[in-house]
Amino acid sequence: MIRSELIQKIADENPHLTQRHVERIVNTVFEEIIEALAKGDRVELRGFGAFSVKARDARVGRNPRTGEAVEVEDKKVPFFKTGKLLRDRLNGK
């Protein structure tokens, strides 16, 4: 499912909201999650999962085409851990 499909589904299930309002709500939710992660905060959505930021150390990698050693800088990457409810639902429980 892509963002526009999510917006359309929410708009269809909530006829009292216009598509423009639903789009603004969805965009606000995503922006708040992004801003929290950018600050290094953890975002938890009960039953769904938790977003956090993990730090990756600098390392020496390899260029797959040439095999040459390449310095890879340290970086922060987003991390998602599923919640119990989501895991159980995916596994048919």
PDB file of N, CA and C in Angstrom:
ATOM      1  N   MET A   1       0.856  -1.170   0.000  1.00  0.00           N
ATOM      2  CA  MET A   1       0.000   0.000   0.000  1.00  0.00           C
ATOM      3  C   MET A   1       0.901   1.232   0.000  1.00  0.00           C
ATOM      4  N   ILE A   2       0.573   2.175  -0.836  1.00  0.00           N
ATOM      5  CA  ILE A   2       1.330   3.423  -0.892  1.00  0.00           C
ATOM      6  C   ILE A   2       0.525   4.531  -0.214  1.00  0.00           C
ATOM      7  N   ARG A   3       1.169   5.665   0.001  1.00  0.00           N
ATOM      8  CA  ARG A   3       0.558   6.764   0.764  1.00  0.00           C
ATOM      9  C   ARG A   3      -0.797   7.172   0.188  1.00  0.00           C
ATOM     10  N   SER A   4      -0.889   7.315  -1.136  1.00  0.00           N
ATOM     11  CA  SER A   4      -2.154   7.752  -1.747  1.00  0.00           C
ATOM     12  C   SER A   4      -3.265   6.719  -1.526  1.00  0.00           C
ATOM     13  N   GLU A   5      -2.929   5.434  -1.529  1.00  0.00           N
ATOM     14  CA  GLU A   5      -3.931   4.393  -1.269  1.00  0.00           C
ATOM     15  C   GLU A   5      -4.391   4.453   0.189  1.00  0.00           C
ATOM     16  N   LEU A   6      -3.469   4.724   1.098  1.00  0.00           N
ATOM     17  CA  LEU A   6      -3.821   4.871   2.506  1.00  0.00           C
ATOM     18  C   LEU A   6      -4.767   6.051   2.698  1.00  0.00           C
ATOM     19  N   ILE A   7      -4.454   7.174   2.076  1.00  0.00           N
ATOM     20  CA  ILE A   7      -5.295   8.362   2.166  1.00  0.00           C
ATOM     21  C   ILE A   7      -6.686   8.070   1.617  1.00  0.00           C
ATOM     22  N   GLN A   8      -6.752   7.399   0.482  1.00  0.00           N
ATOM     23  CA  GLN A   8      -8.035   7.078  -0.136  1.00  0.00           C
ATOM     24  C   GLN A   8      -8.864   6.152   0.748  1.00  0.00           C
ATOM     25  N   LYS A   9      -8.223   5.138   1.350  1.00  0.00           N
ATOM     26  CA  LYS A   9      -8.940   4.194   2.223  1.00  0.00           C
ATOM     27  C   LYS A   9      -9.497   4.902   3.446  1.00  0.00           C
ATOM     28  N   ILE A  10      -8.707   5.766   4.062  1.00  0.00           N
ATOM     29  CA  ILE A  10      -9.184   6.508   5.237  1.00  0.00           C
ATOM     30  C   ILE A  10     -10.324   7.442   4.851  1.00  0.00           C
ATOM     31  N   ALA A  11     -10.199   8.117   3.703  1.00  0.00           N
ATOM     32  CA  ALA A  11     -11.252   9.026   3.237  1.00  0.00           C
ATOM     33  C   ALA A  11     -12.546   8.258   2.957  1.00  0.00           C
ATOM     34  N   ASP A  12     -12.424   7.059   2.366  1.00  0.00           N
ATOM     35  CA  ASP A  12     -13.609   6.245   2.074  1.00  0.00           C
ATOM     36  C   ASP A  12     -14.316   5.797   3.358  1.00  0.00           C
ATOM     37  N   GLU A  13     -13.543   5.482   4.399  1.00  0.00           N
ATOM     38  CA  GLU A  13     -14.108   4.997   5.649  1.00  0.00           C
ATOM     39  C   GLU A  13     -14.614   6.131   6.546  1.00  0.00           C
ATOM     40  N   ASN A  14     -14.266   7.369   6.200  1.00  0.00           N
ATOM     41  CA  ASN A  14     -14.678   8.533   6.995  1.00  0.00           C
ATOM     42  C   ASN A  14     -15.277   9.591   6.076  1.00  0.00           C
ATOM     43  N   PRO A  15     -16.526   9.395   5.636  1.00  0.00           N
ATOM     44  CA  PRO A  15     -17.122  10.318   4.665  1.00  0.00           C
ATOM     45  C   PRO A  15     -17.297  11.750   5.188  1.00  0.00           C
ATOM     46  N   HIS A  16     -17.239  11.936   6.503  1.00  0.00           N
ATOM     47  CA  HIS A  16     -17.362  13.281   7.059  1.00  0.00           C
ATOM     48  C   HIS A  16     -16.075  14.102   6.883  1.00  0.00           C
ATOM     49  N   LEU A  17     -14.975  13.440   6.478  1.00  0.00           N
ATOM     50  CA  LEU A  17     -13.708  14.133   6.225  1.00  0.00           C
ATOM     51  C   LEU A  17     -13.463  14.239   4.726  1.00  0.00           C
ATOM     52  N   THR A  18     -12.983  15.386   4.286  1.00  0.00           N
ATOM     53  CA  THR A  18     -12.650  15.519   2.867  1.00  0.00           C
ATOM     54  C   THR A  18     -11.295  14.860   2.609  1.00  0.00           C
ATOM     55  N   GLN A  19     -11.038  14.556   1.374  1.00  0.00           N
ATOM     56  CA  GLN A  19      -9.767  13.929   1.006  1.00  0.00           C
ATOM     57  C   GLN A  19      -8.600  14.844   1.381  1.00  0.00           C
ATOM     58  N   ARG A  20      -8.793  16.147   1.215  1.00  0.00           N
ATOM     59  CA  ARG A  20      -7.740  17.111   1.558  1.00  0.00           C
ATOM     60  C   ARG A  20      -7.416  17.082   3.052  1.00  0.00           C
ATOM     61  N   HIS A  21      -8.460  16.955   3.900  1.00  0.00           N
ATOM     62  CA  HIS A  21      -8.232  16.874   5.342  1.00  0.00           C
ATOM     63  C   HIS A  21      -7.504  15.585   5.713  1.00  0.00           C
ATOM     64  N   VAL A  22      -7.920  14.480   5.121  1.00  0.00           N
ATOM     65  CA  VAL A  22      -7.270  13.195   5.395  1.00  0.00           C
ATOM     66  C   VAL A  22      -5.812  13.251   4.963  1.00  0.00           C
ATOM     67  N   GLU A  23      -5.547  13.837   3.808  1.00  0.00           N
ATOM     68  CA  GLU A  23      -4.177  13.950   3.317  1.00  0.00           C
ATOM     69  C   GLU A  23      -3.330  14.771   4.295  1.00  0.00           C
ATOM     70  N   ARG A  24      -3.889  15.859   4.814  1.00  0.00           N
ATOM     71  CA  ARG A  24      -3.170  16.699   5.776  1.00  0.00           C
ATOM     72  C   ARG A  24      -2.888  15.923   7.063  1.00  0.00           C
ATOM     73  N   ILE A  25      -3.858  15.132   7.518  1.00  0.00           N
ATOM     74  CA  ILE A  25      -3.680  14.337   8.740  1.00  0.00           C
ATOM     75  C   ILE A  25      -2.570  13.307   8.553  1.00  0.00           C
ATOM     76  N   VAL A  26      -2.631  12.559   7.453  1.00  0.00           N
ATOM     77  CA  VAL A  26      -1.626  11.521   7.194  1.00  0.00           C
ATOM     78  C   VAL A  26      -0.237  12.149   7.070  1.00  0.00           C
ATOM     79  N   ASN A  27      -0.138  13.248   6.346  1.00  0.00           N
ATOM     80  CA  ASN A  27       1.156  13.909   6.183  1.00  0.00           C
ATOM     81  C   ASN A  27       1.686  14.421   7.523  1.00  0.00           C
ATOM     82  N   THR A  28       0.800  14.927   8.366  1.00  0.00           N
ATOM     83  CA  THR A  28       1.214  15.414   9.682  1.00  0.00           C
ATOM     84  C   THR A  28       1.749  14.272  10.539  1.00  0.00           C
ATOM     85  N   VAL A  29       1.068  13.134  10.522  1.00  0.00           N
ATOM     86  CA  VAL A  29       1.527  11.976  11.294  1.00  0.00           C
ATOM     87  C   VAL A  29       2.921  11.563  10.836  1.00  0.00           C
ATOM     88  N   PHE A  30       3.120  11.438   9.522  1.00  0.00           N
ATOM     89  CA  PHE A  30       4.433  11.034   9.007  1.00  0.00           C
ATOM     90  C   PHE A  30       5.499  12.072   9.334  1.00  0.00           C
ATOM     91  N   GLU A  31       5.181  13.343   9.208  1.00  0.00           N
ATOM     92  CA  GLU A  31       6.158  14.405   9.506  1.00  0.00           C
ATOM     93  C   GLU A  31       6.552  14.379  10.984  1.00  0.00           C
ATOM     94  N   GLU A  32       5.594  14.151  11.869  1.00  0.00           N
ATOM     95  CA  GLU A  32       5.906  14.095  13.297  1.00  0.00           C
ATOM     96  C   GLU A  32       6.809  12.910  13.618  1.00  0.00           C
ATOM     97  N   ILE A  33       6.561  11.770  12.987  1.00  0.00           N
ATOM     98  CA  ILE A  33       7.426  10.600  13.182  1.00  0.00           C
ATOM     99  C   ILE A  33       8.833  10.920  12.696  1.00  0.00           C
ATOM    100  N   ILE A  34       8.944  11.525  11.526  1.00  0.00           N
ATOM    101  CA  ILE A  34      10.255  11.872  10.960  1.00  0.00           C
ATOM    102  C   ILE A  34      10.992  12.865  11.853  1.00  0.00           C
ATOM    103  N   GLU A  35      10.283  13.894  12.328  1.00  0.00           N
ATOM    104  CA  GLU A  35      10.916  14.889  13.192  1.00  0.00           C
ATOM    105  C   GLU A  35      11.397  14.271  14.497  1.00  0.00           C
ATOM    106  N   ALA A  36      10.598  13.382  15.079  1.00  0.00           N
ATOM    107  CA  ALA A  36      10.994  12.729  16.331  1.00  0.00           C
ATOM    108  C   ALA A  36      12.241  11.877  16.113  1.00  0.00           C
ATOM    109  N   LEU A  37      12.276  11.129  15.026  1.00  0.00           N
ATOM    110  CA  LEU A  37      13.448  10.304  14.734  1.00  0.00           C
ATOM    111  C   LEU A  37      14.679  11.167  14.463  1.00  0.00           C
ATOM    112  N   ALA A  38      14.486  12.291  13.787  1.00  0.00           N
ATOM    113  CA  ALA A  38      15.606  13.192  13.498  1.00  0.00           C
ATOM    114  C   ALA A  38      16.222  13.734  14.791  1.00  0.00           C
ATOM    115  N   LYS A  39      15.384  13.884  15.843  1.00  0.00           N
ATOM    116  CA  LYS A  39      15.879  14.348  17.143  1.00  0.00           C
ATOM    117  C   LYS A  39      16.461  13.196  17.960  1.00  0.00           C
ATOM    118  N   GLY A  40      16.334  11.982  17.463  1.00  0.00           N
ATOM    119  CA  GLY A  40      16.851  10.819  18.183  1.00  0.00           C
ATOM    120  C   GLY A  40      15.841  10.190  19.118  1.00  0.00           C
ATOM    121  N   ASP A  41      14.589  10.654  19.060  1.00  0.00           N
ATOM    122  CA  ASP A  41      13.547  10.092  19.924  1.00  0.00           C
ATOM    123  C   ASP A  41      13.029   8.769  19.356  1.00  0.00           C
ATOM    124  N   ARG A  42      12.340   8.034  20.210  1.00  0.00           N
ATOM    125  CA  ARG A  42      11.710   6.773  19.823  1.00  0.00           C
ATOM    126  C   ARG A  42      10.222   7.048  19.648  1.00  0.00           C
ATOM    127  N   VAL A  43       9.615   6.449  18.620  1.00  0.00           N
ATOM    128  CA  VAL A  43       8.184   6.620  18.377  1.00  0.00           C
ATOM    129  C   VAL A  43       7.526   5.250  18.500  1.00  0.00           C
ATOM    130  N   GLU A  44       6.611   5.121  19.461  1.00  0.00           N
ATOM    131  CA  GLU A  44       5.947   3.843  19.684  1.00  0.00           C
ATOM    132  C   GLU A  44       4.472   3.960  19.363  1.00  0.00           C
ATOM    133  N   LEU A  45       3.987   3.058  18.521  1.00  0.00           N
ATOM    134  CA  LEU A  45       2.567   2.965  18.190  1.00  0.00           C
ATOM    135  C   LEU A  45       2.095   1.620  18.751  1.00  0.00           C
ATOM    136  N   ARG A  46       1.415   1.663  19.873  1.00  0.00           N
ATOM    137  CA  ARG A  46       1.016   0.439  20.587  1.00  0.00           C
ATOM    138  C   ARG A  46       0.320  -0.553  19.656  1.00  0.00           C
ATOM    139  N   GLY A  47       0.751  -1.792  19.726  1.00  0.00           N
ATOM    140  CA  GLY A  47       0.167  -2.849  18.922  1.00  0.00           C
ATOM    141  C   GLY A  47       0.738  -2.922  17.521  1.00  0.00           C
ATOM    142  N   PHE A  48       1.336  -1.850  17.041  1.00  0.00           N
ATOM    143  CA  PHE A  48       1.882  -1.822  15.689  1.00  0.00           C
ATOM    144  C   PHE A  48       3.395  -2.013  15.721  1.00  0.00           C
ATOM    145  N   GLY A  49       4.077  -1.169  16.478  1.00  0.00           N
ATOM    146  CA  GLY A  49       5.518  -1.292  16.578  1.00  0.00           C
ATOM    147  C   GLY A  49       6.169  -0.009  17.032  1.00  0.00           C
ATOM    148  N   ALA A  50       7.486  -0.010  17.017  1.00  0.00           N
ATOM    149  CA  ALA A  50       8.242   1.147  17.485  1.00  0.00           C
ATOM    150  C   ALA A  50       9.334   1.494  16.472  1.00  0.00           C
ATOM    151  N   PHE A  51       9.430   2.790  16.193  1.00  0.00           N
ATOM    152  CA  PHE A  51      10.485   3.307  15.339  1.00  0.00           C
ATOM    153  C   PHE A  51      11.576   3.887  16.241  1.00  0.00           C
ATOM    154  N   SER A  52      12.822   3.623  15.916  1.00  0.00           N
ATOM    155  CA  SER A  52      13.929   4.205  16.662  1.00  0.00           C
ATOM    156  C   SER A  52      15.090   4.449  15.698  1.00  0.00           C
ATOM    157  N   VAL A  53      16.145   5.038  16.220  1.00  0.00           N
ATOM    158  CA  VAL A  53      17.322   5.328  15.408  1.00  0.00           C
ATOM    159  C   VAL A  53      18.485   4.526  15.969  1.00  0.00           C
ATOM    160  N   LYS A  54      19.204   3.835  15.103  1.00  0.00           N
ATOM    161  CA  LYS A  54      20.387   3.085  15.510  1.00  0.00           C
ATOM    162  C   LYS A  54      21.610   3.708  14.865  1.00  0.00           C
ATOM    163  N   ALA A  55      22.697   3.717  15.599  1.00  0.00           N
ATOM    164  CA  ALA A  55      23.954   4.260  15.081  1.00  0.00           C
ATOM    165  C   ALA A  55      24.787   3.120  14.498  1.00  0.00           C
ATOM    166  N   ARG A  56      25.295   3.337  13.323  1.00  0.00           N
ATOM    167  CA  ARG A  56      26.191   2.368  12.685  1.00  0.00           C
ATOM    168  C   ARG A  56      27.598   2.953  12.714  1.00  0.00           C
ATOM    169  N   ASP A  57      28.557   2.175  13.156  1.00  0.00           N
ATOM    170  CA  ASP A  57      29.940   2.627  13.229  1.00  0.00           C
ATOM    171  C   ASP A  57      30.559   2.721  11.843  1.00  0.00           C
ATOM    172  N   ALA A  58      31.616   3.524  11.752  1.00  0.00           N
ATOM    173  CA  ALA A  58      32.378   3.598  10.505  1.00  0.00           C
ATOM    174  C   ALA A  58      33.046   2.245  10.286  1.00  0.00           C
ATOM    175  N   ARG A  59      33.240   1.901   9.038  1.00  0.00           N
ATOM    176  CA  ARG A  59      33.854   0.602   8.723  1.00  0.00           C
ATOM    177  C   ARG A  59      34.522   0.669   7.369  1.00  0.00           C
ATOM    178  N   VAL A  60      35.242  -0.368   7.052  1.00  0.00           N
ATOM    179  CA  VAL A  60      35.850  -0.487   5.727  1.00  0.00           C
ATOM    180  C   VAL A  60      34.985  -1.453   4.926  1.00  0.00           C
ATOM    181  N   GLY A  61      34.442  -0.944   3.809  1.00  0.00           N
ATOM    182  CA  GLY A  61      33.614  -1.777   2.947  1.00  0.00           C
ATOM    183  C   GLY A  61      34.367  -2.116   1.671  1.00  0.00           C
ATOM    184  N   ARG A  62      33.714  -2.783   0.790  1.00  0.00           N
ATOM    185  CA  ARG A  62      34.310  -3.159  -0.500  1.00  0.00           C
ATOM    186  C   ARG A  62      33.416  -2.692  -1.629  1.00  0.00           C
ATOM    187  N   ASN A  63      34.042  -2.149  -2.656  1.00  0.00           N
ATOM    188  CA  ASN A  63      33.325  -1.821  -3.879  1.00  0.00           C
ATOM    189  C   ASN A  63      33.079  -3.147  -4.595  1.00  0.00           C
ATOM    190  N   PRO A  64      31.817  -3.548  -4.792  1.00  0.00           N
ATOM    191  CA  PRO A  64      31.554  -4.868  -5.384  1.00  0.00           C
ATOM    192  C   PRO A  64      32.038  -4.993  -6.829  1.00  0.00           C
ATOM    193  N   ARG A  65      32.158  -3.885  -7.520  1.00  0.00           N
ATOM    194  CA  ARG A  65      32.583  -3.944  -8.918  1.00  0.00           C
ATOM    195  C   ARG A  65      34.095  -4.142  -9.044  1.00  0.00           C
ATOM    196  N   THR A  66      34.849  -3.402  -8.206  1.00  0.00           N
ATOM    197  CA  THR A  66      36.306  -3.447  -8.339  1.00  0.00           C
ATOM    198  C   THR A  66      36.983  -4.230  -7.232  1.00  0.00           C
ATOM    199  N   GLY A  67      36.283  -4.464  -6.121  1.00  0.00           N
ATOM    200  CA  GLY A  67      36.886  -5.153  -4.986  1.00  0.00           C
ATOM    201  C   GLY A  67      37.754  -4.237  -4.143  1.00  0.00           C
ATOM    202  N   GLU A  68      37.837  -2.970  -4.505  1.00  0.00           N
ATOM    203  CA  GLU A  68      38.672  -1.998  -3.807  1.00  0.00           C
ATOM    204  C   GLU A  68      38.060  -1.651  -2.444  1.00  0.00           C
ATOM    205  N   ALA A  69      38.914  -1.455  -1.434  1.00  0.00           N
ATOM    206  CA  ALA A  69      38.449  -1.086  -0.094  1.00  0.00           C
ATOM    207  C   ALA A  69      37.934   0.349  -0.115  1.00  0.00           C
ATOM    208  N   VAL A  70      36.797   0.563   0.566  1.00  0.00           N
ATOM    209  CA  VAL A  70      36.172   1.882   0.607  1.00  0.00           C
ATOM    210  C   VAL A  70      35.828   2.196   2.062  1.00  0.00           C
ATOM    211  N   GLU A  71      36.155   3.420   2.491  1.00  0.00           N
ATOM    212  CA  GLU A  71      35.796   3.852   3.845  1.00  0.00           C
ATOM    213  C   GLU A  71      34.306   4.204   3.874  1.00  0.00           C
ATOM    214  N   VAL A  72      33.566   3.600   4.781  1.00  0.00           N
ATOM    215  CA  VAL A  72      32.151   3.909   4.963  1.00  0.00           C
ATOM    216  C   VAL A  72      32.037   4.672   6.278  1.00  0.00           C
ATOM    217  N   GLU A  73      31.514   5.895   6.219  1.00  0.00           N
ATOM    218  CA  GLU A  73      31.411   6.736   7.409  1.00  0.00           C
ATOM    219  C   GLU A  73      30.361   6.205   8.371  1.00  0.00           C
ATOM    220  N   ASP A  74      30.477   6.631   9.648  1.00  0.00           N
ATOM    221  CA  ASP A  74      29.444   6.268  10.609  1.00  0.00           C
ATOM    222  C   ASP A  74      28.152   6.989  10.228  1.00  0.00           C
ATOM    223  N   LYS A  75      27.040   6.390  10.562  1.00  0.00           N
ATOM    224  CA  LYS A  75      25.755   6.978  10.181  1.00  0.00           C
ATOM    225  C   LYS A  75      24.664   6.490  11.119  1.00  0.00           C
ATOM    226  N   LYS A  76      23.537   7.162  11.050  1.00  0.00           N
ATOM    227  CA  LYS A  76      22.357   6.764  11.802  1.00  0.00           C
ATOM    228  C   LYS A  76      21.336   6.222  10.818  1.00  0.00           C
ATOM    229  N   VAL A  77      20.682   5.136  11.189  1.00  0.00           N
ATOM    230  CA  VAL A  77      19.688   4.519  10.315  1.00  0.00           C
ATOM    231  C   VAL A  77      18.389   4.298  11.094  1.00  0.00           C
ATOM    232  N   PRO A  78      17.246   4.432  10.418  1.00  0.00           N
ATOM    233  CA  PRO A  78      15.972   4.157  11.090  1.00  0.00           C
ATOM    234  C   PRO A  78      15.818   2.657  11.315  1.00  0.00           C
ATOM    235  N   PHE A  79      15.165   2.318  12.419  1.00  0.00           N
ATOM    236  CA  PHE A  79      14.956   0.922  12.775  1.00  0.00           C
ATOM    237  C   PHE A  79      13.505   0.758  13.213  1.00  0.00           C
ATOM    238  N   PHE A  80      12.865  -0.328  12.790  1.00  0.00           N
ATOM    239  CA  PHE A  80      11.476  -0.600  13.164  1.00  0.00           C
ATOM    240  C   PHE A  80      11.394  -1.963  13.816  1.00  0.00           C
ATOM    241  N   LYS A  81      10.788  -2.008  14.984  1.00  0.00           N
ATOM    242  CA  LYS A  81      10.550  -3.274  15.668  1.00  0.00           C
ATOM    243  C   LYS A  81       9.051  -3.471  15.761  1.00  0.00           C
ATOM    244  N   THR A  82       8.564  -4.593  15.242  1.00  0.00           N
ATOM    245  CA  THR A  82       7.123  -4.841  15.234  1.00  0.00           C
ATOM    246  C   THR A  82       6.593  -5.069  16.645  1.00  0.00           C
ATOM    247  N   GLY A  83       5.359  -4.684  16.834  1.00  0.00           N
ATOM    248  CA  GLY A  83       4.680  -4.912  18.101  1.00  0.00           C
ATOM    249  C   GLY A  83       4.113  -6.317  18.150  1.00  0.00           C
ATOM    250  N   LYS A  84       3.770  -6.767  19.342  1.00  0.00           N
ATOM    251  CA  LYS A  84       3.263  -8.127  19.521  1.00  0.00           C
ATOM    252  C   LYS A  84       1.964  -8.357  18.744  1.00  0.00           C
ATOM    253  N   LEU A  85       1.056  -7.394  18.759  1.00  0.00           N
ATOM    254  CA  LEU A  85      -0.213  -7.548  18.067  1.00  0.00           C
ATOM    255  C   LEU A  85       0.006  -7.735  16.561  1.00  0.00           C
ATOM    256  N   LEU A  86       0.887  -6.949  15.974  1.00  0.00           N
ATOM    257  CA  LEU A  86       1.181  -7.057  14.545  1.00  0.00           C
ATOM    258  C   LEU A  86       1.829  -8.402  14.235  1.00  0.00           C
ATOM    259  N   ARG A  87       2.799  -8.818  15.057  1.00  0.00           N
ATOM    260  CA  ARG A  87       3.466 -10.111  14.845  1.00  0.00           C
ATOM    261  C   ARG A  87       2.472 -11.253  14.922  1.00  0.00           C
ATOM    262  N   ASP A  88       1.590 -11.201  15.939  1.00  0.00           N
ATOM    263  CA  ASP A  88       0.599 -12.277  16.091  1.00  0.00           C
ATOM    264  C   ASP A  88      -0.353 -12.321  14.900  1.00  0.00           C
ATOM    265  N   ARG A  89      -0.762 -11.159  14.428  1.00  0.00           N
ATOM    266  CA  ARG A  89      -1.691 -11.113  13.292  1.00  0.00           C
ATOM    267  C   ARG A  89      -1.049 -11.651  12.021  1.00  0.00           C
ATOM    268  N   LEU A  90       0.228 -11.319  11.812  1.00  0.00           N
ATOM    269  CA  LEU A  90       0.942 -11.821  10.638  1.00  0.00           C
ATOM    270  C   LEU A  90       1.113 -13.328  10.675  1.00  0.00           C
ATOM    271  N   ASN A  91       1.209 -13.870  11.881  1.00  0.00           N
ATOM    272  CA  ASN A  91       1.413 -15.308  12.042  1.00  0.00           C
ATOM    273  C   ASN A  91       0.125 -16.065  12.279  1.00  0.00           C
ATOM    274  N   GLY A  92      -1.025 -15.424  12.046  1.00  0.00           N
ATOM    275  CA  GLY A  92      -2.325 -16.098  12.109  1.00  0.00           C
ATOM    276  C   GLY A  92      -2.812 -16.428  13.498  1.00  0.00           C
ATOM    277  N   LYS A  93      -2.377 -15.689  14.492  1.00  0.00           N
ATOM    278  CA  LYS A  93      -2.827 -15.975  15.870  1.00  0.00           C
ATOM    279  C   LYS A  93      -3.940 -15.038  16.256  1.00  0.00           C
TER     280      LYS A  93
END
